[in-house]
Amino acid sequence: MNSVYNVIIRPVVSERSFDLMSQHKYTFEVAQGAAKEEIAAAVEKLFNVRVVKVNTMSVKPKNKRVRYVTGKTRSWKKAIVTLAEGDSIEIFGNQQVAEA
């Protein structure tokens, strides 16, 4: 990979990923051919943090159907990056959660 922007594609937005943020773990969609060392270097360079651990997994496609046509969703690679204690990433800026 030649650029950090080619390694890190986007943050994954889900309930589970938001729960993991309290444990200093952040979830990203990454390039299929990216190695753990490349992912760690890209996150450190983009967000100016220290990466302790990187876990990766390949997300398999699911079967979907639209009317009579069956197909599959795309396959992609997910990385869960654990940061050093005291480091954090502001993915969505300084938005505060409104209490109901």
PDB file of N, CA and C in Angstrom:
ATOM      1  N   MET A   1       0.851  -1.180   0.000  1.00  0.00           N
ATOM      2  CA  MET A   1       0.000   0.000   0.000  1.00  0.00           C
ATOM      3  C   MET A   1       0.896   1.242   0.000  1.00  0.00           C
ATOM      4  N   ASN A   2       0.503   2.231  -0.764  1.00  0.00           N
ATOM      5  CA  ASN A   2       1.353   3.396  -0.916  1.00  0.00           C
ATOM      6  C   ASN A   2       0.897   4.593  -0.092  1.00  0.00           C
ATOM      7  N   SER A   3      -0.336   4.642   0.367  1.00  0.00           N
ATOM      8  CA  SER A   3      -0.831   5.791   1.115  1.00  0.00           C
ATOM      9  C   SER A   3      -1.672   5.317   2.298  1.00  0.00           C
ATOM     10  N   VAL A   4      -1.657   6.081   3.371  1.00  0.00           N
ATOM     11  CA  VAL A   4      -2.478   5.711   4.534  1.00  0.00           C
ATOM     12  C   VAL A   4      -3.961   5.798   4.200  1.00  0.00           C
ATOM     13  N   TYR A   5      -4.310   6.635   3.222  1.00  0.00           N
ATOM     14  CA  TYR A   5      -5.711   6.767   2.827  1.00  0.00           C
ATOM     15  C   TYR A   5      -6.181   5.572   2.007  1.00  0.00           C
ATOM     16  N   ASN A   6      -5.243   4.805   1.456  1.00  0.00           N
ATOM     17  CA  ASN A   6      -5.605   3.574   0.760  1.00  0.00           C
ATOM     18  C   ASN A   6      -5.732   2.408   1.725  1.00  0.00           C
ATOM     19  N   VAL A   7      -5.153   2.513   2.910  1.00  0.00           N
ATOM     20  CA  VAL A   7      -5.216   1.439   3.910  1.00  0.00           C
ATOM     21  C   VAL A   7      -6.500   1.567   4.723  1.00  0.00           C
ATOM     22  N   ILE A   8      -6.751   2.735   5.311  1.00  0.00           N
ATOM     23  CA  ILE A   8      -7.949   2.974   6.117  1.00  0.00           C
ATOM     24  C   ILE A   8      -9.031   3.522   5.187  1.00  0.00           C
ATOM     25  N   ILE A   9     -10.127   2.779   5.034  1.00  0.00           N
ATOM     26  CA  ILE A   9     -11.186   3.203   4.122  1.00  0.00           C
ATOM     27  C   ILE A   9     -12.220   4.062   4.841  1.00  0.00           C
ATOM     28  N   ARG A  10     -12.746   3.572   5.977  1.00  0.00           N
ATOM     29  CA  ARG A  10     -13.748   4.340   6.718  1.00  0.00           C
ATOM     30  C   ARG A  10     -13.899   3.744   8.103  1.00  0.00           C
ATOM     31  N   PRO A  11     -14.395   4.509   9.068  1.00  0.00           N
ATOM     32  CA  PRO A  11     -14.742   3.932  10.372  1.00  0.00           C
ATOM     33  C   PRO A  11     -16.049   3.161  10.267  1.00  0.00           C
ATOM     34  N   VAL A  12     -16.171   2.111  11.051  1.00  0.00           N
ATOM     35  CA  VAL A  12     -17.389   1.315  11.076  1.00  0.00           C
ATOM     36  C   VAL A  12     -18.304   1.886  12.149  1.00  0.00           C
ATOM     37  N   VAL A  13     -19.543   2.229  11.761  1.00  0.00           N
ATOM     38  CA  VAL A  13     -20.506   2.828  12.674  1.00  0.00           C
ATOM     39  C   VAL A  13     -21.551   1.777  13.028  1.00  0.00           C
ATOM     40  N   SER A  14     -21.499   1.281  14.254  1.00  0.00           N
ATOM     41  CA  SER A  14     -22.478   0.311  14.732  1.00  0.00           C
ATOM     42  C   SER A  14     -22.556   0.421  16.253  1.00  0.00           C
ATOM     43  N   GLU A  15     -23.535  -0.220  16.831  1.00  0.00           N
ATOM     44  CA  GLU A  15     -23.676  -0.189  18.291  1.00  0.00           C
ATOM     45  C   GLU A  15     -22.477  -0.841  18.956  1.00  0.00           C
ATOM     46  N   ARG A  16     -22.026  -1.951  18.402  1.00  0.00           N
ATOM     47  CA  ARG A  16     -20.902  -2.659  18.997  1.00  0.00           C
ATOM     48  C   ARG A  16     -19.628  -1.819  18.930  1.00  0.00           C
ATOM     49  N   SER A  17     -19.401  -1.140  17.808  1.00  0.00           N
ATOM     50  CA  SER A  17     -18.196  -0.327  17.691  1.00  0.00           C
ATOM     51  C   SER A  17     -18.228   0.854  18.662  1.00  0.00           C
ATOM     52  N   PHE A  18     -19.421   1.416  18.915  1.00  0.00           N
ATOM     53  CA  PHE A  18     -19.526   2.496  19.886  1.00  0.00           C
ATOM     54  C   PHE A  18     -19.280   1.988  21.301  1.00  0.00           C
ATOM     55  N   ASP A  19     -19.720   0.776  21.610  1.00  0.00           N
ATOM     56  CA  ASP A  19     -19.464   0.198  22.929  1.00  0.00           C
ATOM     57  C   ASP A  19     -17.980  -0.076  23.128  1.00  0.00           C
ATOM     58  N   LEU A  20     -17.283  -0.491  22.074  1.00  0.00           N
ATOM     59  CA  LEU A  20     -15.854  -0.777  22.177  1.00  0.00           C
ATOM     60  C   LEU A  20     -15.013   0.482  22.363  1.00  0.00           C
ATOM     61  N   MET A  21     -15.542   1.642  21.974  1.00  0.00           N
ATOM     62  CA  MET A  21     -14.782   2.887  22.125  1.00  0.00           C
ATOM     63  C   MET A  21     -14.473   3.200  23.589  1.00  0.00           C
ATOM     64  N   SER A  22     -15.318   2.749  24.511  1.00  0.00           N
ATOM     65  CA  SER A  22     -15.051   2.982  25.931  1.00  0.00           C
ATOM     66  C   SER A  22     -13.850   2.167  26.404  1.00  0.00           C
ATOM     67  N   GLN A  23     -13.479   1.120  25.666  1.00  0.00           N
ATOM     68  CA  GLN A  23     -12.313   0.298  25.988  1.00  0.00           C
ATOM     69  C   GLN A  23     -11.097   0.694  25.146  1.00  0.00           C
ATOM     70  N   HIS A  24     -11.151   1.855  24.495  1.00  0.00           N
ATOM     71  CA  HIS A  24     -10.087   2.373  23.627  1.00  0.00           C
ATOM     72  C   HIS A  24      -9.877   1.482  22.412  1.00  0.00           C
ATOM     73  N   LYS A  25     -10.960   0.866  21.895  1.00  0.00           N
ATOM     74  CA  LYS A  25     -10.897   0.047  20.691  1.00  0.00           C
ATOM     75  C   LYS A  25     -11.745   0.709  19.616  1.00  0.00           C
ATOM     76  N   TYR A  26     -11.162   0.905  18.437  1.00  0.00           N
ATOM     77  CA  TYR A  26     -11.831   1.583  17.341  1.00  0.00           C
ATOM     78  C   TYR A  26     -11.871   0.650  16.138  1.00  0.00           C
ATOM     79  N   THR A  27     -12.995   0.645  15.424  1.00  0.00           N
ATOM     80  CA  THR A  27     -13.218  -0.286  14.332  1.00  0.00           C
ATOM     81  C   THR A  27     -13.186   0.463  13.002  1.00  0.00           C
ATOM     82  N   PHE A  28     -12.428  -0.089  12.036  1.00  0.00           N
ATOM     83  CA  PHE A  28     -12.289   0.523  10.723  1.00  0.00           C
ATOM     84  C   PHE A  28     -12.464  -0.524   9.639  1.00  0.00           C
ATOM     85  N   GLU A  29     -12.974  -0.092   8.485  1.00  0.00           N
ATOM     86  CA  GLU A  29     -12.904  -0.912   7.286  1.00  0.00           C
ATOM     87  C   GLU A  29     -11.568  -0.616   6.640  1.00  0.00           C
ATOM     88  N   VAL A  30     -10.829  -1.661   6.302  1.00  0.00           N
ATOM     89  CA  VAL A  30      -9.488  -1.493   5.744  1.00  0.00           C
ATOM     90  C   VAL A  30      -9.399  -2.207   4.405  1.00  0.00           C
ATOM     91  N   ALA A  31      -8.314  -1.962   3.683  1.00  0.00           N
ATOM     92  CA  ALA A  31      -8.095  -2.600   2.384  1.00  0.00           C
ATOM     93  C   ALA A  31      -7.908  -4.100   2.563  1.00  0.00           C
ATOM     94  N   GLN A  32      -8.343  -4.872   1.581  1.00  0.00           N
ATOM     95  CA  GLN A  32      -8.277  -6.341   1.671  1.00  0.00           C
ATOM     96  C   GLN A  32      -6.844  -6.840   1.857  1.00  0.00           C
ATOM     97  N   GLY A  33      -5.878  -6.216   1.217  1.00  0.00           N
ATOM     98  CA  GLY A  33      -4.503  -6.693   1.287  1.00  0.00           C
ATOM     99  C   GLY A  33      -3.656  -6.046   2.361  1.00  0.00           C
ATOM    100  N   ALA A  34      -4.262  -5.282   3.254  1.00  0.00           N
ATOM    101  CA  ALA A  34      -3.504  -4.559   4.271  1.00  0.00           C
ATOM    102  C   ALA A  34      -3.075  -5.496   5.396  1.00  0.00           C
ATOM    103  N   ALA A  35      -1.811  -5.411   5.790  1.00  0.00           N
ATOM    104  CA  ALA A  35      -1.288  -6.198   6.908  1.00  0.00           C
ATOM    105  C   ALA A  35      -1.497  -5.424   8.214  1.00  0.00           C
ATOM    106  N   LYS A  36      -1.380  -6.131   9.332  1.00  0.00           N
ATOM    107  CA  LYS A  36      -1.602  -5.496  10.631  1.00  0.00           C
ATOM    108  C   LYS A  36      -0.608  -4.358  10.880  1.00  0.00           C
ATOM    109  N   GLU A  37       0.636  -4.540  10.440  1.00  0.00           N
ATOM    110  CA  GLU A  37       1.649  -3.492  10.631  1.00  0.00           C
ATOM    111  C   GLU A  37       1.293  -2.238   9.836  1.00  0.00           C
ATOM    112  N   GLU A  38       0.793  -2.423   8.615  1.00  0.00           N
ATOM    113  CA  GLU A  38       0.381  -1.287   7.785  1.00  0.00           C
ATOM    114  C   GLU A  38      -0.811  -0.564   8.410  1.00  0.00           C
ATOM    115  N   ILE A  39      -1.751  -1.320   8.959  1.00  0.00           N
ATOM    116  CA  ILE A  39      -2.933  -0.720   9.588  1.00  0.00           C
ATOM    117  C   ILE A  39      -2.519   0.088  10.806  1.00  0.00           C
ATOM    118  N   ALA A  40      -1.639  -0.468  11.638  1.00  0.00           N
ATOM    119  CA  ALA A  40      -1.170   0.235  12.826  1.00  0.00           C
ATOM    120  C   ALA A  40      -0.434   1.521  12.449  1.00  0.00           C
ATOM    121  N   ALA A  41       0.430   1.448  11.449  1.00  0.00           N
ATOM    122  CA  ALA A  41       1.176   2.634  11.015  1.00  0.00           C
ATOM    123  C   ALA A  41       0.242   3.696  10.450  1.00  0.00           C
ATOM    124  N   ALA A  42      -0.780   3.283   9.705  1.00  0.00           N
ATOM    125  CA  ALA A  42      -1.713   4.241   9.114  1.00  0.00           C
ATOM    126  C   ALA A  42      -2.538   4.949  10.186  1.00  0.00           C
ATOM    127  N   VAL A  43      -3.020   4.209  11.188  1.00  0.00           N
ATOM    128  CA  VAL A  43      -3.807   4.823  12.264  1.00  0.00           C
ATOM    129  C   VAL A  43      -2.940   5.772  13.081  1.00  0.00           C
ATOM    130  N   GLU A  44      -1.702   5.368  13.368  1.00  0.00           N
ATOM    131  CA  GLU A  44      -0.799   6.248  14.123  1.00  0.00           C
ATOM    132  C   GLU A  44      -0.511   7.535  13.363  1.00  0.00           C
ATOM    133  N   LYS A  45      -0.331   7.441  12.060  1.00  0.00           N
ATOM    134  CA  LYS A  45      -0.018   8.625  11.266  1.00  0.00           C
ATOM    135  C   LYS A  45      -1.239   9.528  11.078  1.00  0.00           C
ATOM    136  N   LEU A  46      -2.420   8.935  10.821  1.00  0.00           N
ATOM    137  CA  LEU A  46      -3.623   9.734  10.578  1.00  0.00           C
ATOM    138  C   LEU A  46      -4.119  10.446  11.822  1.00  0.00           C
ATOM    139  N   PHE A  47      -4.128   9.744  12.958  1.00  0.00           N
ATOM    140  CA  PHE A  47      -4.768  10.283  14.150  1.00  0.00           C
ATOM    141  C   PHE A  47      -3.791  10.673  15.262  1.00  0.00           C
ATOM    142  N   ASN A  48      -2.484  10.487  15.038  1.00  0.00           N
ATOM    143  CA  ASN A  48      -1.456  10.877  15.995  1.00  0.00           C
ATOM    144  C   ASN A  48      -1.691  10.224  17.365  1.00  0.00           C
ATOM    145  N   VAL A  49      -1.830   8.898  17.363  1.00  0.00           N
ATOM    146  CA  VAL A  49      -2.037   8.107  18.584  1.00  0.00           C
ATOM    147  C   VAL A  49      -1.059   6.936  18.572  1.00  0.00           C
ATOM    148  N   ARG A  50      -0.985   6.221  19.710  1.00  0.00           N
ATOM    149  CA  ARG A  50      -0.142   5.034  19.806  1.00  0.00           C
ATOM    150  C   ARG A  50      -1.034   3.792  19.751  1.00  0.00           C
ATOM    151  N   VAL A  51      -0.725   2.893  18.832  1.00  0.00           N
ATOM    152  CA  VAL A  51      -1.500   1.660  18.672  1.00  0.00           C
ATOM    153  C   VAL A  51      -0.817   0.540  19.445  1.00  0.00           C
ATOM    154  N   VAL A  52      -1.603  -0.160  20.274  1.00  0.00           N
ATOM    155  CA  VAL A  52      -1.080  -1.264  21.063  1.00  0.00           C
ATOM    156  C   VAL A  52      -1.300  -2.592  20.352  1.00  0.00           C
ATOM    157  N   LYS A  53      -2.486  -2.756  19.741  1.00  0.00           N
ATOM    158  CA  LYS A  53      -2.851  -4.049  19.174  1.00  0.00           C
ATOM    159  C   LYS A  53      -3.794  -3.849  17.996  1.00  0.00           C
ATOM    160  N   VAL A  54      -3.709  -4.741  17.005  1.00  0.00           N
ATOM    161  CA  VAL A  54      -4.607  -4.716  15.851  1.00  0.00           C
ATOM    162  C   VAL A  54      -5.169  -6.121  15.644  1.00  0.00           C
ATOM    163  N   ASN A  55      -6.487  -6.230  15.633  1.00  0.00           N
ATOM    164  CA  ASN A  55      -7.159  -7.490  15.303  1.00  0.00           C
ATOM    165  C   ASN A  55      -7.872  -7.286  13.969  1.00  0.00           C
ATOM    166  N   THR A  56      -7.707  -8.251  13.053  1.00  0.00           N
ATOM    167  CA  THR A  56      -8.353  -8.147  11.752  1.00  0.00           C
ATOM    168  C   THR A  56      -9.250  -9.345  11.511  1.00  0.00           C
ATOM    169  N   MET A  57     -10.257  -9.135  10.682  1.00  0.00           N
ATOM    170  CA  MET A  57     -11.141 -10.232  10.280  1.00  0.00           C
ATOM    171  C   MET A  57     -11.715  -9.922   8.910  1.00  0.00           C
ATOM    172  N   SER A  58     -11.980 -10.977   8.164  1.00  0.00           N
ATOM    173  CA  SER A  58     -12.619 -10.837   6.862  1.00  0.00           C
ATOM    174  C   SER A  58     -14.110 -11.063   7.034  1.00  0.00           C
ATOM    175  N   VAL A  59     -14.903 -10.094   6.616  1.00  0.00           N
ATOM    176  CA  VAL A  59     -16.349 -10.197   6.721  1.00  0.00           C
ATOM    177  C   VAL A  59     -16.851 -10.859   5.446  1.00  0.00           C
ATOM    178  N   LYS A  60     -17.515 -11.982   5.605  1.00  0.00           N
ATOM    179  CA  LYS A  60     -17.979 -12.747   4.449  1.00  0.00           C
ATOM    180  C   LYS A  60     -19.274 -12.152   3.907  1.00  0.00           C
ATOM    181  N   PRO A  61     -19.526 -12.335   2.612  1.00  0.00           N
ATOM    182  CA  PRO A  61     -20.766 -11.797   2.030  1.00  0.00           C
ATOM    183  C   PRO A  61     -21.988 -12.565   2.504  1.00  0.00           C
ATOM    184  N   LYS A  62     -23.115 -11.867   2.568  1.00  0.00           N
ATOM    185  CA  LYS A  62     -24.385 -12.486   2.949  1.00  0.00           C
ATOM    186  C   LYS A  62     -25.275 -12.598   1.714  1.00  0.00           C
ATOM    187  N   ASN A  63     -26.118 -13.601   1.708  1.00  0.00           N
ATOM    188  CA  ASN A  63     -27.070 -13.773   0.620  1.00  0.00           C
ATOM    189  C   ASN A  63     -28.206 -12.784   0.772  1.00  0.00           C
ATOM    190  N   LYS A  64     -28.530 -12.088  -0.296  1.00  0.00           N
ATOM    191  CA  LYS A  64     -29.630 -11.129  -0.313  1.00  0.00           C
ATOM    192  C   LYS A  64     -30.492 -11.398  -1.536  1.00  0.00           C
ATOM    193  N   ARG A  65     -31.747 -10.990  -1.459  1.00  0.00           N
ATOM    194  CA  ARG A  65     -32.643 -11.188  -2.582  1.00  0.00           C
ATOM    195  C   ARG A  65     -33.449  -9.923  -2.806  1.00  0.00           C
ATOM    196  N   VAL A  66     -33.547  -9.491  -4.052  1.00  0.00           N
ATOM    197  CA  VAL A  66     -34.394  -8.384  -4.455  1.00  0.00           C
ATOM    198  C   VAL A  66     -35.381  -8.947  -5.464  1.00  0.00           C
ATOM    199  N   ARG A  67     -36.608  -9.050  -5.047  1.00  0.00           N
ATOM    200  CA  ARG A  67     -37.669  -9.696  -5.842  1.00  0.00           C
ATOM    201  C   ARG A  67     -37.269 -11.119  -6.202  1.00  0.00           C
ATOM    202  N   TYR A  68     -36.981 -11.367  -7.471  1.00  0.00           N
ATOM    203  CA  TYR A  68     -36.682 -12.729  -7.904  1.00  0.00           C
ATOM    204  C   TYR A  68     -35.190 -12.966  -8.127  1.00  0.00           C
ATOM    205  N   VAL A  69     -34.400 -11.941  -7.983  1.00  0.00           N
ATOM    206  CA  VAL A  69     -32.972 -12.031  -8.265  1.00  0.00           C
ATOM    207  C   VAL A  69     -32.215 -12.204  -6.956  1.00  0.00           C
ATOM    208  N   THR A  70     -31.408 -13.246  -6.865  1.00  0.00           N
ATOM    209  CA  THR A  70     -30.583 -13.451  -5.679  1.00  0.00           C
ATOM    210  C   THR A  70     -29.174 -12.967  -5.961  1.00  0.00           C
ATOM    211  N   GLY A  71     -28.509 -12.541  -4.915  1.00  0.00           N
ATOM    212  CA  GLY A  71     -27.147 -12.058  -5.046  1.00  0.00           C
ATOM    213  C   GLY A  71     -26.471 -12.076  -3.696  1.00  0.00           C
ATOM    214  N   LYS A  72     -25.309 -11.482  -3.641  1.00  0.00           N
ATOM    215  CA  LYS A  72     -24.548 -11.436  -2.397  1.00  0.00           C
ATOM    216  C   LYS A  72     -24.087 -10.005  -2.132  1.00  0.00           C
ATOM    217  N   THR A  73     -23.940  -9.686  -0.859  1.00  0.00           N
ATOM    218  CA  THR A  73     -23.337  -8.417  -0.493  1.00  0.00           C
ATOM    219  C   THR A  73     -21.830  -8.535  -0.719  1.00  0.00           C
ATOM    220  N   ARG A  74     -21.144  -7.436  -0.623  1.00  0.00           N
ATOM    221  CA  ARG A  74     -19.700  -7.468  -0.877  1.00  0.00           C
ATOM    222  C   ARG A  74     -18.955  -8.005   0.348  1.00  0.00           C
ATOM    223  N   SER A  75     -17.790  -8.566   0.123  1.00  0.00           N
ATOM    224  CA  SER A  75     -16.933  -8.987   1.229  1.00  0.00           C
ATOM    225  C   SER A  75     -15.955  -7.846   1.515  1.00  0.00           C
ATOM    226  N   TRP A  76     -15.552  -7.711   2.790  1.00  0.00           N
ATOM    227  CA  TRP A  76     -14.645  -6.637   3.166  1.00  0.00           C
ATOM    228  C   TRP A  76     -13.841  -7.046   4.382  1.00  0.00           C
ATOM    229  N   LYS A  77     -12.822  -6.266   4.702  1.00  0.00           N
ATOM    230  CA  LYS A  77     -11.942  -6.577   5.823  1.00  0.00           C
ATOM    231  C   LYS A  77     -12.135  -5.533   6.916  1.00  0.00           C
ATOM    232  N   LYS A  78     -12.246  -6.019   8.155  1.00  0.00           N
ATOM    233  CA  LYS A  78     -12.480  -5.148   9.304  1.00  0.00           C
ATOM    234  C   LYS A  78     -11.284  -5.240  10.245  1.00  0.00           C
ATOM    235  N   ALA A  79     -10.900  -4.106  10.821  1.00  0.00           N
ATOM    236  CA  ALA A  79      -9.806  -4.068  11.788  1.00  0.00           C
ATOM    237  C   ALA A  79     -10.277  -3.386  13.060  1.00  0.00           C
ATOM    238  N   ILE A  80     -10.010  -4.027  14.202  1.00  0.00           N
ATOM    239  CA  ILE A  80     -10.290  -3.428  15.507  1.00  0.00           C
ATOM    240  C   ILE A  80      -8.946  -3.037  16.094  1.00  0.00           C
ATOM    241  N   VAL A  81      -8.752  -1.733  16.270  1.00  0.00           N
ATOM    242  CA  VAL A  81      -7.470  -1.176  16.703  1.00  0.00           C
ATOM    243  C   VAL A  81      -7.575  -0.770  18.164  1.00  0.00           C
ATOM    244  N   THR A  82      -6.676  -1.313  19.005  1.00  0.00           N
ATOM    245  CA  THR A  82      -6.629  -0.956  20.417  1.00  0.00           C
ATOM    246  C   THR A  82      -5.556   0.104  20.608  1.00  0.00           C
ATOM    247  N   LEU A  83      -5.939   1.207  21.243  1.00  0.00           N
ATOM    248  CA  LEU A  83      -5.007   2.310  21.466  1.00  0.00           C
ATOM    249  C   LEU A  83      -4.415   2.242  22.862  1.00  0.00           C
ATOM    250  N   ALA A  84      -3.303   2.952  23.060  1.00  0.00           N
ATOM    251  CA  ALA A  84      -2.666   3.029  24.364  1.00  0.00           C
ATOM    252  C   ALA A  84      -3.566   3.796  25.335  1.00  0.00           C
ATOM    253  N   GLU A  85      -3.396   3.534  26.605  1.00  0.00           N
ATOM    254  CA  GLU A  85      -4.198   4.191  27.644  1.00  0.00           C
ATOM    255  C   GLU A  85      -3.991   5.706  27.565  1.00  0.00           C
ATOM    256  N   GLY A  86      -5.078   6.443  27.551  1.00  0.00           N
ATOM    257  CA  GLY A  86      -5.017   7.897  27.481  1.00  0.00           C
ATOM    258  C   GLY A  86      -5.177   8.455  26.076  1.00  0.00           C
ATOM    259  N   ASP A  87      -5.009   7.633  25.053  1.00  0.00           N
ATOM    260  CA  ASP A  87      -5.198   8.079  23.675  1.00  0.00           C
ATOM    261  C   ASP A  87      -6.639   7.830  23.246  1.00  0.00           C
ATOM    262  N   SER A  88      -7.147   8.699  22.384  1.00  0.00           N
ATOM    263  CA  SER A  88      -8.495   8.510  21.843  1.00  0.00           C
ATOM    264  C   SER A  88      -8.556   9.165  20.468  1.00  0.00           C
ATOM    265  N   ILE A  89      -9.560   8.758  19.708  1.00  0.00           N
ATOM    266  CA  ILE A  89      -9.782   9.295  18.374  1.00  0.00           C
ATOM    267  C   ILE A  89     -11.150   9.945  18.358  1.00  0.00           C
ATOM    268  N   GLU A  90     -11.213  11.200  17.940  1.00  0.00           N
ATOM    269  CA  GLU A  90     -12.486  11.900  17.818  1.00  0.00           C
ATOM    270  C   GLU A  90     -13.002  11.683  16.402  1.00  0.00           C
ATOM    271  N   ILE A  91     -13.717  10.596  16.193  1.00  0.00           N
ATOM    272  CA  ILE A  91     -14.191  10.258  14.848  1.00  0.00           C
ATOM    273  C   ILE A  91     -15.288  11.207  14.399  1.00  0.00           C
ATOM    274  N   PHE A  92     -16.191  11.551  15.290  1.00  0.00           N
ATOM    275  CA  PHE A  92     -17.339  12.357  14.917  1.00  0.00           C
ATOM    276  C   PHE A  92     -17.261  13.757  15.506  1.00  0.00           C
ATOM    277  N   GLY A  93     -16.085  14.255  15.704  1.00  0.00           N
ATOM    278  CA  GLY A  93     -15.918  15.611  16.208  1.00  0.00           C
ATOM    279  C   GLY A  93     -16.268  15.700  17.682  1.00  0.00           C
ATOM    280  N   ASN A  94     -16.703  16.869  18.097  1.00  0.00           N
ATOM    281  CA  ASN A  94     -17.019  17.101  19.504  1.00  0.00           C
ATOM    282  C   ASN A  94     -18.501  17.045  19.764  1.00  0.00           C
ATOM    283  N   GLN A  95     -19.189  16.107  19.153  1.00  0.00           N
ATOM    284  CA  GLN A  95     -20.622  15.971  19.387  1.00  0.00           C
ATOM    285  C   GLN A  95     -20.844  15.317  20.732  1.00  0.00           C
ATOM    286  N   GLN A  96     -21.757  15.895  21.503  1.00  0.00           N
ATOM    287  CA  GLN A  96     -22.073  15.344  22.802  1.00  0.00           C
ATOM    288  C   GLN A  96     -23.395  14.589  22.715  1.00  0.00           C
ATOM    289  N   VAL A  97     -23.473  13.545  23.487  1.00  0.00           N
ATOM    290  CA  VAL A  97     -24.687  12.725  23.490  1.00  0.00           C
ATOM    291  C   VAL A  97     -25.744  13.449  24.317  1.00  0.00           C
ATOM    292  N   ALA A  98     -26.904  13.654  23.712  1.00  0.00           N
ATOM    293  CA  ALA A  98     -28.008  14.318  24.402  1.00  0.00           C
ATOM    294  C   ALA A  98     -28.706  13.303  25.296  1.00  0.00           C
ATOM    295  N   GLU A  99     -28.877  13.667  26.550  1.00  0.00           N
ATOM    296  CA  GLU A  99     -29.558  12.760  27.478  1.00  0.00           C
ATOM    297  C   GLU A  99     -31.060  12.993  27.396  1.00  0.00           C
ATOM    298  N   ALA A 100     -31.785  11.908  27.314  1.00  0.00           N
ATOM    299  CA  ALA A 100     -33.238  12.011  27.159  1.00  0.00           C
ATOM    300  C   ALA A 100     -33.934  12.048  28.494  1.00  0.00           C
TER     301      ALA A 100
END
